[in-house]
């Protein structure tokens, strides 16, 4: 019997239904680090109507648009996609976001809605993310590409999952500093450009973690 959508995990739904991640972001449901939680439980924890969210998922077009089904792709192809689409992109995003945040704090620091401390937080995120990506590039990904299987890969994967949780905490702190990345009505162009970039970073990092936690690591652990 097919498991009802509301009883499936967020990670499984994100993998199997094109557009599900957009629905989850709209409802602020964590499908990457919290991907092992059933939709019913995740919705209840936030006071949301899980049945309504399941209905939204059921109404989505079942035909993937643009993005391949990575669950059926070779691990090597998924790894190359992660490196090119996310590792390279994060290394481009963060230095510019730090520059913009520093500018906004310098000019508007006295305003009550200024995200003071954001530049420092982004710098910390950059350092932690760079360390994390290097571990993947130099240790875990080469092991997976060479076909090394569990239990040899269990330790590195466990470390990466733990660090993904830390990245999720960093995103939560970023949201707290920026009123959930919502600029004030009188925000200048630099401020608005910063928040557009932060929104993109959050979406990219959540998708990055989702692909690794729910597809790449899951595949490596079960093969």
N, C-alpha and C. Protein backbone atom coordinates (compact mmCIF):
# COMPACT_ATOMS: atom_id res chain seq x y z
N UNK A 1 0.84 -1.20 0.00
CA UNK A 1 0.00 0.00 0.00
C UNK A 1 0.88 1.25 0.00
N UNK A 2 0.51 2.24 -0.83
CA UNK A 2 1.26 3.48 -0.89
C UNK A 2 1.06 4.28 0.40
N UNK A 3 2.16 4.74 0.97
CA UNK A 3 2.08 5.53 2.20
C UNK A 3 1.52 6.91 1.86
N UNK A 4 0.54 7.36 2.64
CA UNK A 4 -0.05 8.68 2.41
C UNK A 4 1.02 9.75 2.49
N UNK A 5 0.85 10.81 1.71
CA UNK A 5 1.84 11.88 1.67
C UNK A 5 2.13 12.43 3.05
N UNK A 6 1.10 12.58 3.87
CA UNK A 6 1.28 13.20 5.18
C UNK A 6 2.12 12.33 6.11
N UNK A 7 2.24 11.04 5.81
CA UNK A 7 3.01 10.13 6.65
C UNK A 7 4.41 9.86 6.10
N UNK A 8 4.75 10.45 4.95
CA UNK A 8 6.08 10.30 4.39
C UNK A 8 7.00 11.38 4.95
N UNK A 9 8.28 11.10 4.94
CA UNK A 9 9.23 12.08 5.46
C UNK A 9 9.38 13.25 4.50
N UNK A 10 9.79 14.40 5.03
CA UNK A 10 10.01 15.57 4.20
C UNK A 10 11.08 15.29 3.15
N UNK A 11 12.13 14.57 3.55
CA UNK A 11 13.20 14.26 2.60
C UNK A 11 12.71 13.42 1.44
N UNK A 12 11.90 12.41 1.73
CA UNK A 12 11.37 11.56 0.66
C UNK A 12 10.46 12.35 -0.26
N UNK A 13 9.62 13.19 0.30
CA UNK A 13 8.72 14.02 -0.51
C UNK A 13 9.51 15.00 -1.37
N UNK A 14 10.56 15.57 -0.79
CA UNK A 14 11.39 16.51 -1.56
C UNK A 14 12.06 15.81 -2.73
N UNK A 15 12.40 14.53 -2.55
CA UNK A 15 13.05 13.77 -3.62
C UNK A 15 12.06 13.35 -4.70
N UNK A 16 10.83 13.02 -4.29
CA UNK A 16 9.91 12.37 -5.21
C UNK A 16 8.91 13.30 -5.90
N UNK A 17 8.70 14.50 -5.36
CA UNK A 17 7.69 15.40 -5.94
C UNK A 17 8.36 16.69 -6.40
N UNK A 18 8.49 16.91 -7.70
CA UNK A 18 9.05 18.17 -8.19
C UNK A 18 8.23 19.35 -7.68
N UNK A 19 8.91 20.32 -7.12
CA UNK A 19 8.24 21.49 -6.58
C UNK A 19 7.94 21.39 -5.10
N UNK A 20 8.16 20.21 -4.50
CA UNK A 20 7.87 20.05 -3.08
C UNK A 20 8.73 20.97 -2.22
N UNK A 21 9.98 21.16 -2.61
CA UNK A 21 10.87 22.00 -1.80
C UNK A 21 10.36 23.43 -1.75
N UNK A 22 9.74 23.89 -2.84
CA UNK A 22 9.17 25.24 -2.83
C UNK A 22 8.04 25.33 -1.82
N UNK A 23 7.18 24.32 -1.79
CA UNK A 23 6.08 24.29 -0.81
C UNK A 23 6.63 24.28 0.61
N UNK A 24 7.66 23.47 0.84
CA UNK A 24 8.23 23.39 2.18
C UNK A 24 8.85 24.72 2.60
N UNK A 25 9.52 25.40 1.67
CA UNK A 25 10.10 26.70 2.01
C UNK A 25 9.01 27.71 2.36
N UNK A 26 7.90 27.66 1.62
CA UNK A 26 6.80 28.59 1.90
C UNK A 26 6.26 28.40 3.31
N UNK A 27 6.23 27.16 3.77
CA UNK A 27 5.71 26.86 5.10
C UNK A 27 6.81 26.78 6.16
N UNK A 28 8.05 27.08 5.74
CA UNK A 28 9.21 27.07 6.65
C UNK A 28 9.40 25.70 7.30
N UNK A 29 9.29 24.65 6.47
CA UNK A 29 9.53 23.28 6.92
C UNK A 29 10.92 22.86 6.46
N UNK A 30 11.70 22.33 7.37
CA UNK A 30 13.10 21.98 7.10
C UNK A 30 13.18 20.60 6.45
N UNK A 31 13.34 20.58 5.12
CA UNK A 31 13.40 19.32 4.39
C UNK A 31 14.83 18.82 4.21
N UNK A 32 15.82 19.61 4.63
CA UNK A 32 17.22 19.17 4.44
C UNK A 32 17.74 18.54 5.72
N UNK A 33 18.06 19.32 6.72
CA UNK A 33 18.54 18.75 7.99
C UNK A 33 17.43 17.97 8.70
N UNK A 34 16.18 18.40 8.54
CA UNK A 34 15.06 17.71 9.16
C UNK A 34 14.35 16.77 8.22
N UNK A 35 15.07 16.26 7.23
CA UNK A 35 14.45 15.45 6.19
C UNK A 35 13.90 14.12 6.65
N UNK A 36 14.30 13.63 7.82
CA UNK A 36 13.83 12.32 8.30
C UNK A 36 12.52 12.41 9.08
N UNK A 37 11.96 13.59 9.20
CA UNK A 37 10.73 13.79 9.98
C UNK A 37 9.51 13.67 9.06
N UNK A 38 8.49 12.89 9.42
CA UNK A 38 7.27 12.81 8.61
C UNK A 38 6.58 14.17 8.51
N UNK A 39 5.91 14.40 7.40
CA UNK A 39 5.21 15.66 7.18
C UNK A 39 4.22 15.95 8.30
N UNK A 40 3.48 14.94 8.74
CA UNK A 40 2.49 15.14 9.81
C UNK A 40 3.16 15.70 11.07
N UNK A 41 4.28 15.09 11.46
CA UNK A 41 4.97 15.52 12.68
C UNK A 41 5.58 16.91 12.51
N UNK A 42 6.18 17.16 11.34
CA UNK A 42 6.81 18.46 11.09
C UNK A 42 5.77 19.57 11.10
N UNK A 43 4.61 19.31 10.49
CA UNK A 43 3.54 20.32 10.46
C UNK A 43 3.00 20.57 11.87
N UNK A 44 2.76 19.50 12.62
CA UNK A 44 2.23 19.65 13.98
C UNK A 44 3.18 20.47 14.85
N UNK A 45 4.49 20.27 14.67
CA UNK A 45 5.47 20.98 15.51
C UNK A 45 5.46 22.48 15.26
N UNK A 46 4.96 22.88 14.09
CA UNK A 46 4.89 24.32 13.76
C UNK A 46 3.46 24.85 13.80
N UNK A 47 2.52 24.02 14.26
CA UNK A 47 1.13 24.47 14.32
C UNK A 47 0.50 24.64 12.95
N UNK A 48 0.94 23.84 11.97
CA UNK A 48 0.44 23.94 10.60
C UNK A 48 -0.54 22.80 10.32
N UNK A 49 -1.32 22.97 9.26
CA UNK A 49 -2.27 21.96 8.83
C UNK A 49 -1.56 21.00 7.87
N UNK A 50 -1.15 19.85 8.38
CA UNK A 50 -0.43 18.89 7.57
C UNK A 50 -1.24 18.38 6.40
N UNK A 51 -2.55 18.20 6.60
CA UNK A 51 -3.41 17.71 5.53
C UNK A 51 -3.47 18.72 4.38
N UNK A 52 -3.51 20.00 4.72
CA UNK A 52 -3.54 21.03 3.68
C UNK A 52 -2.23 21.04 2.90
N UNK A 53 -1.11 20.90 3.60
CA UNK A 53 0.18 20.88 2.91
C UNK A 53 0.27 19.64 2.02
N UNK A 54 -0.23 18.50 2.50
CA UNK A 54 -0.24 17.29 1.69
C UNK A 54 -1.08 17.50 0.43
N UNK A 55 -2.19 18.22 0.57
CA UNK A 55 -3.04 18.51 -0.58
C UNK A 55 -2.30 19.40 -1.59
N UNK A 56 -1.52 20.35 -1.09
CA UNK A 56 -0.73 21.20 -1.99
C UNK A 56 0.29 20.37 -2.75
N UNK A 57 0.89 19.42 -2.05
CA UNK A 57 1.87 18.55 -2.71
C UNK A 57 1.20 17.67 -3.76
N UNK A 58 0.02 17.15 -3.44
CA UNK A 58 -0.70 16.29 -4.37
C UNK A 58 -1.10 17.03 -5.63
N UNK A 59 -1.29 18.34 -5.51
CA UNK A 59 -1.72 19.14 -6.65
C UNK A 59 -0.58 19.53 -7.57
N UNK A 60 0.65 19.29 -7.15
CA UNK A 60 1.79 19.66 -7.97
C UNK A 60 1.88 18.78 -9.20
N UNK A 61 2.41 19.34 -10.27
CA UNK A 61 2.65 18.57 -11.49
C UNK A 61 3.65 17.47 -11.18
N UNK A 62 3.36 16.24 -11.58
CA UNK A 62 4.26 15.12 -11.29
C UNK A 62 5.39 14.98 -12.29
N UNK A 63 5.43 15.84 -13.28
CA UNK A 63 6.48 15.76 -14.29
C UNK A 63 7.64 16.68 -13.93
N UNK A 64 8.86 16.16 -13.72
CA UNK A 64 9.99 17.02 -13.37
C UNK A 64 10.27 18.04 -14.46
N UNK A 65 10.63 19.23 -14.06
CA UNK A 65 10.97 20.28 -15.01
C UNK A 65 12.41 20.70 -14.79
N UNK A 66 13.25 20.40 -15.74
CA UNK A 66 14.64 20.86 -15.69
C UNK A 66 15.56 20.00 -14.85
N UNK A 67 15.19 19.71 -13.63
CA UNK A 67 16.06 19.00 -12.70
C UNK A 67 15.90 17.49 -12.88
N UNK A 68 16.99 16.76 -13.09
CA UNK A 68 16.88 15.30 -13.22
C UNK A 68 16.52 14.65 -11.90
N UNK A 69 16.07 13.42 -11.99
CA UNK A 69 15.80 12.64 -10.78
C UNK A 69 17.12 12.05 -10.31
N UNK A 70 17.75 12.72 -9.34
CA UNK A 70 19.09 12.33 -8.91
C UNK A 70 19.10 10.98 -8.20
N UNK A 71 17.95 10.49 -7.77
CA UNK A 71 17.92 9.18 -7.11
C UNK A 71 18.30 8.06 -8.06
N UNK A 72 18.06 8.26 -9.34
CA UNK A 72 18.37 7.22 -10.32
C UNK A 72 19.66 7.49 -11.08
N UNK A 73 20.39 8.54 -10.69
CA UNK A 73 21.63 8.90 -11.37
C UNK A 73 22.83 8.27 -10.67
N UNK A 74 23.90 7.97 -11.41
CA UNK A 74 25.12 7.46 -10.77
C UNK A 74 25.64 8.46 -9.74
N UNK A 75 26.24 7.95 -8.67
CA UNK A 75 26.76 8.83 -7.62
C UNK A 75 27.77 9.81 -8.18
N UNK A 76 28.59 9.38 -9.13
CA UNK A 76 29.60 10.28 -9.70
C UNK A 76 28.96 11.50 -10.34
N UNK A 77 27.84 11.30 -11.03
CA UNK A 77 27.17 12.43 -11.68
C UNK A 77 26.59 13.39 -10.64
N UNK A 78 26.02 12.84 -9.58
CA UNK A 78 25.47 13.69 -8.52
C UNK A 78 26.58 14.46 -7.83
N UNK A 79 27.69 13.81 -7.58
CA UNK A 79 28.82 14.49 -6.93
C UNK A 79 29.32 15.64 -7.80
N UNK A 80 29.47 15.41 -9.09
CA UNK A 80 29.92 16.48 -9.98
C UNK A 80 28.93 17.63 -10.00
N UNK A 81 27.64 17.31 -9.97
CA UNK A 81 26.62 18.36 -9.93
C UNK A 81 26.74 19.18 -8.65
N UNK A 82 26.92 18.51 -7.51
CA UNK A 82 27.05 19.21 -6.23
C UNK A 82 28.27 20.12 -6.25
N UNK A 83 29.38 19.64 -6.77
CA UNK A 83 30.61 20.44 -6.81
C UNK A 83 30.43 21.69 -7.67
N UNK A 84 29.84 21.50 -8.86
CA UNK A 84 29.72 22.61 -9.80
C UNK A 84 28.59 23.57 -9.42
N UNK A 85 27.46 23.01 -9.00
CA UNK A 85 26.28 23.85 -8.75
C UNK A 85 26.31 24.53 -7.38
N UNK A 86 26.89 23.84 -6.38
CA UNK A 86 26.80 24.37 -5.02
C UNK A 86 28.15 24.77 -4.42
N UNK A 87 29.15 23.92 -4.49
CA UNK A 87 30.44 24.28 -3.89
C UNK A 87 31.00 25.54 -4.54
N UNK A 88 31.04 25.55 -5.86
CA UNK A 88 31.57 26.73 -6.55
C UNK A 88 30.70 27.96 -6.29
N UNK A 89 29.40 27.76 -6.28
CA UNK A 89 28.48 28.89 -6.09
C UNK A 89 28.62 29.49 -4.69
N UNK A 90 28.71 28.66 -3.65
CA UNK A 90 28.87 29.20 -2.29
C UNK A 90 30.14 30.03 -2.18
N UNK A 91 31.19 29.59 -2.85
CA UNK A 91 32.46 30.32 -2.79
C UNK A 91 32.36 31.67 -3.51
N UNK A 92 31.41 31.79 -4.41
CA UNK A 92 31.17 33.08 -5.07
C UNK A 92 30.26 33.96 -4.22
N UNK A 93 29.26 33.35 -3.60
CA UNK A 93 28.22 34.11 -2.89
C UNK A 93 28.73 34.81 -1.65
N UNK A 94 29.42 34.08 -0.79
CA UNK A 94 29.67 34.58 0.55
C UNK A 94 30.58 35.81 0.61
N UNK A 95 31.68 35.89 -0.14
CA UNK A 95 32.49 37.12 -0.05
C UNK A 95 31.70 38.38 -0.40
N UNK A 96 30.84 38.30 -1.43
CA UNK A 96 30.05 39.47 -1.81
C UNK A 96 28.99 39.79 -0.76
N UNK A 97 28.38 38.77 -0.18
CA UNK A 97 27.39 39.01 0.86
C UNK A 97 28.02 39.63 2.10
N UNK A 98 29.21 39.20 2.43
CA UNK A 98 29.93 39.79 3.57
C UNK A 98 30.22 41.26 3.29
N UNK A 99 30.65 41.58 2.06
CA UNK A 99 30.93 42.96 1.69
C UNK A 99 29.67 43.82 1.80
N UNK A 100 28.55 43.32 1.28
CA UNK A 100 27.31 44.08 1.33
C UNK A 100 26.83 44.25 2.77
N UNK A 101 26.93 43.20 3.57
CA UNK A 101 26.49 43.28 4.97
C UNK A 101 27.33 44.29 5.74
N UNK A 102 28.62 44.29 5.49
CA UNK A 102 29.50 45.26 6.16
C UNK A 102 29.10 46.68 5.79
N UNK A 103 28.77 46.89 4.51
CA UNK A 103 28.36 48.22 4.05
C UNK A 103 27.06 48.66 4.72
N UNK A 104 26.08 47.76 4.77
CA UNK A 104 24.79 48.10 5.37
C UNK A 104 24.97 48.41 6.86
N UNK A 105 25.75 47.61 7.56
CA UNK A 105 25.96 47.85 8.99
C UNK A 105 26.70 49.16 9.22
N UNK A 106 27.65 49.48 8.35
CA UNK A 106 28.42 50.72 8.50
C UNK A 106 27.53 51.95 8.31
N UNK A 107 26.66 51.90 7.30
CA UNK A 107 25.84 53.06 6.96
C UNK A 107 24.59 53.16 7.84
N UNK A 108 23.99 52.01 8.16
CA UNK A 108 22.68 52.02 8.82
C UNK A 108 22.72 51.41 10.22
N UNK A 109 23.89 51.27 10.78
CA UNK A 109 24.04 50.58 12.06
C UNK A 109 23.23 51.15 13.20
N UNK A 110 22.90 52.43 13.15
CA UNK A 110 22.16 53.07 14.24
C UNK A 110 20.66 52.82 14.16
N UNK A 111 20.19 52.28 13.03
CA UNK A 111 18.76 52.03 12.87
C UNK A 111 18.37 50.75 13.62
N UNK A 112 17.20 50.74 14.24
CA UNK A 112 16.81 49.57 15.06
C UNK A 112 16.64 48.29 14.26
N UNK A 113 16.33 48.40 12.95
CA UNK A 113 16.12 47.19 12.16
C UNK A 113 17.35 46.79 11.35
N UNK A 114 18.48 47.44 11.61
CA UNK A 114 19.71 47.07 10.91
C UNK A 114 20.20 45.72 11.43
N UNK A 115 20.64 44.83 10.54
CA UNK A 115 21.10 43.50 10.97
C UNK A 115 22.53 43.53 11.51
N UNK A 116 22.73 44.24 12.60
CA UNK A 116 24.07 44.33 13.16
C UNK A 116 24.57 42.94 13.59
N UNK A 117 25.80 42.65 13.23
CA UNK A 117 26.37 41.33 13.50
C UNK A 117 26.26 40.38 12.33
N UNK A 118 25.56 40.78 11.28
CA UNK A 118 25.34 39.89 10.13
C UNK A 118 26.64 39.60 9.39
N UNK A 119 27.47 40.63 9.17
CA UNK A 119 28.72 40.41 8.44
C UNK A 119 29.61 39.40 9.16
N UNK A 120 29.69 39.53 10.48
CA UNK A 120 30.50 38.58 11.26
C UNK A 120 29.90 37.18 11.18
N UNK A 121 28.59 37.09 11.24
CA UNK A 121 27.93 35.79 11.15
C UNK A 121 28.19 35.15 9.79
N UNK A 122 28.10 35.92 8.73
CA UNK A 122 28.36 35.40 7.39
C UNK A 122 29.82 34.96 7.25
N UNK A 123 30.73 35.71 7.87
CA UNK A 123 32.15 35.32 7.83
C UNK A 123 32.34 33.97 8.52
N UNK A 124 31.68 33.79 9.65
CA UNK A 124 31.77 32.50 10.34
C UNK A 124 31.17 31.38 9.49
N UNK A 125 30.04 31.65 8.87
CA UNK A 125 29.44 30.66 7.97
C UNK A 125 30.40 30.31 6.85
N UNK A 126 31.06 31.31 6.30
CA UNK A 126 32.00 31.07 5.20
C UNK A 126 33.13 30.15 5.65
N UNK A 127 33.69 30.42 6.82
CA UNK A 127 34.80 29.60 7.31
C UNK A 127 34.35 28.15 7.55
N UNK A 128 33.20 27.99 8.17
CA UNK A 128 32.71 26.66 8.49
C UNK A 128 32.30 25.90 7.23
N UNK A 129 31.69 26.60 6.29
CA UNK A 129 31.27 25.95 5.05
C UNK A 129 32.47 25.56 4.20
N UNK A 130 33.47 26.43 4.17
CA UNK A 130 34.68 26.11 3.40
C UNK A 130 35.37 24.88 3.97
N UNK A 131 35.49 24.81 5.29
CA UNK A 131 36.09 23.63 5.93
C UNK A 131 35.29 22.38 5.60
N UNK A 132 33.98 22.49 5.65
CA UNK A 132 33.09 21.36 5.36
C UNK A 132 33.27 20.89 3.92
N UNK A 133 33.26 21.82 2.98
CA UNK A 133 33.36 21.46 1.57
C UNK A 133 34.71 20.83 1.26
N UNK A 134 35.77 21.32 1.89
CA UNK A 134 37.09 20.73 1.67
C UNK A 134 37.14 19.29 2.15
N UNK A 135 36.49 19.00 3.28
CA UNK A 135 36.45 17.62 3.77
C UNK A 135 35.74 16.72 2.77
N UNK A 136 34.66 17.24 2.18
CA UNK A 136 33.95 16.45 1.18
C UNK A 136 34.82 16.25 -0.05
N UNK A 137 35.46 17.31 -0.51
CA UNK A 137 36.23 17.26 -1.74
C UNK A 137 37.49 16.41 -1.61
N UNK A 138 38.09 16.44 -0.42
CA UNK A 138 39.38 15.77 -0.25
C UNK A 138 39.27 14.38 0.37
N UNK A 139 38.16 14.10 1.07
CA UNK A 139 38.05 12.82 1.78
C UNK A 139 36.84 12.01 1.31
N UNK A 140 35.63 12.51 1.59
CA UNK A 140 34.44 11.69 1.37
C UNK A 140 34.13 11.46 -0.10
N UNK A 141 34.08 12.53 -0.89
CA UNK A 141 33.71 12.36 -2.30
C UNK A 141 34.67 11.43 -3.04
N UNK A 142 35.99 11.56 -2.87
CA UNK A 142 36.89 10.60 -3.53
C UNK A 142 36.63 9.15 -3.10
N UNK A 143 36.29 8.94 -1.84
CA UNK A 143 35.96 7.58 -1.38
C UNK A 143 34.74 7.05 -2.13
N UNK A 144 33.70 7.87 -2.24
CA UNK A 144 32.49 7.45 -2.93
C UNK A 144 32.75 7.23 -4.42
N UNK A 145 33.57 8.10 -5.02
CA UNK A 145 33.86 7.97 -6.44
C UNK A 145 34.69 6.72 -6.75
N UNK A 146 35.48 6.28 -5.77
CA UNK A 146 36.26 5.06 -5.96
C UNK A 146 35.45 3.80 -5.64
N UNK A 147 34.21 4.00 -5.22
CA UNK A 147 33.36 2.85 -4.93
C UNK A 147 33.55 2.26 -3.56
N UNK A 148 34.25 2.97 -2.67
CA UNK A 148 34.41 2.48 -1.30
C UNK A 148 33.05 2.50 -0.60
N UNK A 149 32.72 1.41 0.06
CA UNK A 149 31.38 1.26 0.63
C UNK A 149 31.41 1.29 2.15
N UNK A 150 30.20 1.34 2.71
CA UNK A 150 30.04 1.23 4.15
C UNK A 150 30.64 -0.09 4.62
N UNK A 151 31.29 -0.20 5.79
CA UNK A 151 31.30 0.78 6.89
C UNK A 151 32.42 1.81 6.80
N UNK A 152 33.30 1.71 5.77
CA UNK A 152 34.42 2.65 5.71
C UNK A 152 33.95 4.10 5.58
N UNK A 153 32.82 4.30 4.91
CA UNK A 153 32.33 5.66 4.69
C UNK A 153 31.40 6.15 5.81
N UNK A 154 31.06 5.28 6.75
CA UNK A 154 30.10 5.66 7.79
C UNK A 154 30.59 6.85 8.61
N UNK A 155 31.87 6.81 9.00
CA UNK A 155 32.41 7.88 9.84
C UNK A 155 32.38 9.24 9.15
N UNK A 156 32.96 9.35 7.92
CA UNK A 156 32.91 10.64 7.23
C UNK A 156 31.48 11.14 6.97
N UNK A 157 30.56 10.24 6.62
CA UNK A 157 29.19 10.65 6.37
C UNK A 157 28.54 11.16 7.66
N UNK A 158 28.82 10.50 8.78
CA UNK A 158 28.27 10.94 10.07
C UNK A 158 28.76 12.35 10.40
N UNK A 159 30.03 12.62 10.14
CA UNK A 159 30.58 13.95 10.39
C UNK A 159 29.90 14.98 9.50
N UNK A 160 29.72 14.66 8.22
CA UNK A 160 29.09 15.61 7.30
C UNK A 160 27.64 15.88 7.70
N UNK A 161 26.91 14.85 8.13
CA UNK A 161 25.53 15.07 8.57
C UNK A 161 25.49 15.99 9.80
N UNK A 162 26.41 15.77 10.73
CA UNK A 162 26.46 16.62 11.92
C UNK A 162 26.74 18.06 11.52
N UNK A 163 27.68 18.26 10.62
CA UNK A 163 28.01 19.63 10.19
C UNK A 163 26.86 20.25 9.40
N UNK A 164 26.10 19.44 8.68
CA UNK A 164 24.90 19.97 8.02
C UNK A 164 23.92 20.52 9.05
N UNK A 165 23.78 19.83 10.16
CA UNK A 165 22.92 20.34 11.22
C UNK A 165 23.42 21.70 11.72
N UNK A 166 24.73 21.85 11.81
CA UNK A 166 25.31 23.13 12.23
C UNK A 166 25.03 24.21 11.19
N UNK A 167 25.09 23.85 9.92
CA UNK A 167 24.75 24.82 8.87
C UNK A 167 23.28 25.22 8.99
N UNK A 168 22.42 24.26 9.32
CA UNK A 168 21.00 24.57 9.52
C UNK A 168 20.81 25.54 10.67
N UNK A 169 21.57 25.35 11.74
CA UNK A 169 21.50 26.30 12.87
C UNK A 169 21.97 27.69 12.44
N UNK A 170 23.00 27.73 11.59
CA UNK A 170 23.50 29.02 11.11
C UNK A 170 22.46 29.73 10.27
N UNK A 171 21.70 28.97 9.46
CA UNK A 171 20.63 29.58 8.68
C UNK A 171 19.53 30.12 9.58
N UNK A 172 19.25 29.41 10.67
CA UNK A 172 18.25 29.89 11.61
C UNK A 172 18.70 31.20 12.26
N UNK A 173 19.98 31.29 12.60
CA UNK A 173 20.52 32.52 13.18
C UNK A 173 20.50 33.65 12.16
N UNK A 174 20.78 33.32 10.90
CA UNK A 174 20.72 34.32 9.83
C UNK A 174 19.31 34.88 9.73
N UNK A 175 18.30 34.00 9.79
CA UNK A 175 16.91 34.45 9.72
C UNK A 175 16.58 35.34 10.91
N UNK A 176 17.10 35.00 12.09
CA UNK A 176 16.82 35.79 13.28
C UNK A 176 17.43 37.19 13.18
N UNK A 177 18.58 37.29 12.57
CA UNK A 177 19.26 38.59 12.43
C UNK A 177 18.58 39.50 11.41
N UNK A 178 17.82 38.91 10.47
CA UNK A 178 17.32 39.66 9.33
C UNK A 178 15.81 39.69 9.22
N UNK A 179 15.10 39.40 10.34
CA UNK A 179 13.64 39.35 10.28
C UNK A 179 13.20 38.40 9.18
N UNK A 180 13.79 37.20 9.19
CA UNK A 180 13.52 36.17 8.17
C UNK A 180 13.81 36.70 6.77
N UNK A 181 14.93 37.39 6.65
CA UNK A 181 15.41 37.96 5.37
C UNK A 181 14.34 38.84 4.75
N UNK A 182 13.77 39.72 5.56
CA UNK A 182 12.75 40.66 5.09
C UNK A 182 13.27 42.08 5.28
N UNK A 183 13.57 42.80 4.21
CA UNK A 183 14.09 44.16 4.37
C UNK A 183 13.00 45.11 4.84
N UNK A 184 13.35 46.14 5.59
CA UNK A 184 12.35 47.13 6.00
C UNK A 184 11.86 47.92 4.79
N UNK A 185 10.72 48.56 4.94
CA UNK A 185 10.11 49.27 3.81
C UNK A 185 11.02 50.35 3.24
N UNK A 186 11.84 50.97 4.09
CA UNK A 186 12.69 52.08 3.64
C UNK A 186 14.11 51.63 3.33
N UNK A 187 14.33 50.34 3.12
CA UNK A 187 15.68 49.83 2.87
C UNK A 187 16.25 50.39 1.57
N UNK A 188 17.54 50.70 1.60
CA UNK A 188 18.22 51.21 0.40
C UNK A 188 18.47 50.06 -0.57
N UNK A 189 18.98 50.40 -1.75
CA UNK A 189 19.22 49.39 -2.78
C UNK A 189 20.25 48.37 -2.33
N UNK A 190 21.28 48.81 -1.62
CA UNK A 190 22.31 47.89 -1.14
C UNK A 190 21.71 46.89 -0.16
N UNK A 191 20.88 47.39 0.73
CA UNK A 191 20.22 46.54 1.72
C UNK A 191 19.35 45.49 1.02
N UNK A 192 18.60 45.93 0.02
CA UNK A 192 17.72 45.01 -0.70
C UNK A 192 18.53 43.98 -1.51
N UNK A 193 19.61 44.44 -2.11
CA UNK A 193 20.47 43.51 -2.85
C UNK A 193 21.07 42.47 -1.91
N UNK A 194 21.46 42.90 -0.72
CA UNK A 194 21.99 41.98 0.28
C UNK A 194 20.96 40.91 0.61
N UNK A 195 19.72 41.31 0.85
CA UNK A 195 18.70 40.34 1.27
C UNK A 195 18.30 39.42 0.12
N UNK A 196 18.33 39.93 -1.12
CA UNK A 196 18.09 39.03 -2.26
C UNK A 196 19.17 37.97 -2.33
N UNK A 197 20.41 38.38 -2.08
CA UNK A 197 21.51 37.43 -2.08
C UNK A 197 21.42 36.43 -0.94
N UNK A 198 20.97 36.90 0.23
CA UNK A 198 20.80 35.99 1.37
C UNK A 198 19.71 34.96 1.09
N UNK A 199 18.63 35.39 0.45
CA UNK A 199 17.56 34.46 0.11
C UNK A 199 18.07 33.38 -0.85
N UNK A 200 18.87 33.80 -1.80
CA UNK A 200 19.44 32.84 -2.75
C UNK A 200 20.39 31.88 -2.04
N UNK A 201 21.22 32.42 -1.14
CA UNK A 201 22.14 31.57 -0.38
C UNK A 201 21.36 30.54 0.43
N UNK A 202 20.30 30.97 1.11
CA UNK A 202 19.52 30.05 1.92
C UNK A 202 18.91 28.95 1.06
N UNK A 203 18.31 29.33 -0.07
CA UNK A 203 17.71 28.33 -0.95
C UNK A 203 18.76 27.35 -1.47
N UNK A 204 19.90 27.88 -1.90
CA UNK A 204 20.97 27.03 -2.43
C UNK A 204 21.51 26.08 -1.38
N UNK A 205 21.75 26.60 -0.17
CA UNK A 205 22.33 25.77 0.87
C UNK A 205 21.36 24.68 1.32
N UNK A 206 20.07 25.01 1.39
CA UNK A 206 19.09 23.99 1.76
C UNK A 206 18.99 22.91 0.69
N UNK A 207 19.02 23.30 -0.59
CA UNK A 207 18.98 22.32 -1.66
C UNK A 207 20.25 21.47 -1.67
N UNK A 208 21.38 22.10 -1.41
CA UNK A 208 22.67 21.42 -1.32
C UNK A 208 22.62 20.34 -0.24
N UNK A 209 22.20 20.72 0.95
CA UNK A 209 22.13 19.76 2.06
C UNK A 209 21.12 18.66 1.77
N UNK A 210 20.00 19.03 1.17
CA UNK A 210 18.99 18.03 0.81
C UNK A 210 19.56 16.97 -0.12
N UNK A 211 20.24 17.38 -1.16
CA UNK A 211 20.79 16.41 -2.12
C UNK A 211 21.80 15.49 -1.46
N UNK A 212 22.57 16.01 -0.53
CA UNK A 212 23.56 15.18 0.13
C UNK A 212 22.91 14.27 1.18
N UNK A 213 22.15 14.84 2.10
CA UNK A 213 21.56 14.05 3.18
C UNK A 213 20.58 12.99 2.66
N UNK A 214 19.67 13.42 1.79
CA UNK A 214 18.54 12.57 1.43
C UNK A 214 18.76 11.71 0.19
N UNK A 215 19.80 12.02 -0.60
CA UNK A 215 20.05 11.22 -1.80
C UNK A 215 21.46 10.65 -1.79
N UNK A 216 22.48 11.51 -1.80
CA UNK A 216 23.86 11.01 -1.91
C UNK A 216 24.24 10.13 -0.73
N UNK A 217 24.08 10.63 0.48
CA UNK A 217 24.49 9.87 1.65
C UNK A 217 23.59 8.64 1.85
N UNK A 218 22.30 8.82 1.60
CA UNK A 218 21.37 7.69 1.73
C UNK A 218 21.76 6.57 0.75
N UNK A 219 22.09 6.94 -0.48
CA UNK A 219 22.49 5.94 -1.46
C UNK A 219 23.78 5.24 -1.04
N UNK A 220 24.73 6.03 -0.53
CA UNK A 220 26.00 5.45 -0.10
C UNK A 220 25.83 4.52 1.08
N UNK A 221 24.91 4.85 1.97
CA UNK A 221 24.70 4.03 3.17
C UNK A 221 23.95 2.75 2.91
N UNK A 222 23.21 2.69 1.79
CA UNK A 222 22.37 1.51 1.54
C UNK A 222 22.90 0.64 0.42
N UNK A 223 23.98 1.02 -0.21
CA UNK A 223 24.47 0.20 -1.32
C UNK A 223 25.33 -0.96 -0.80
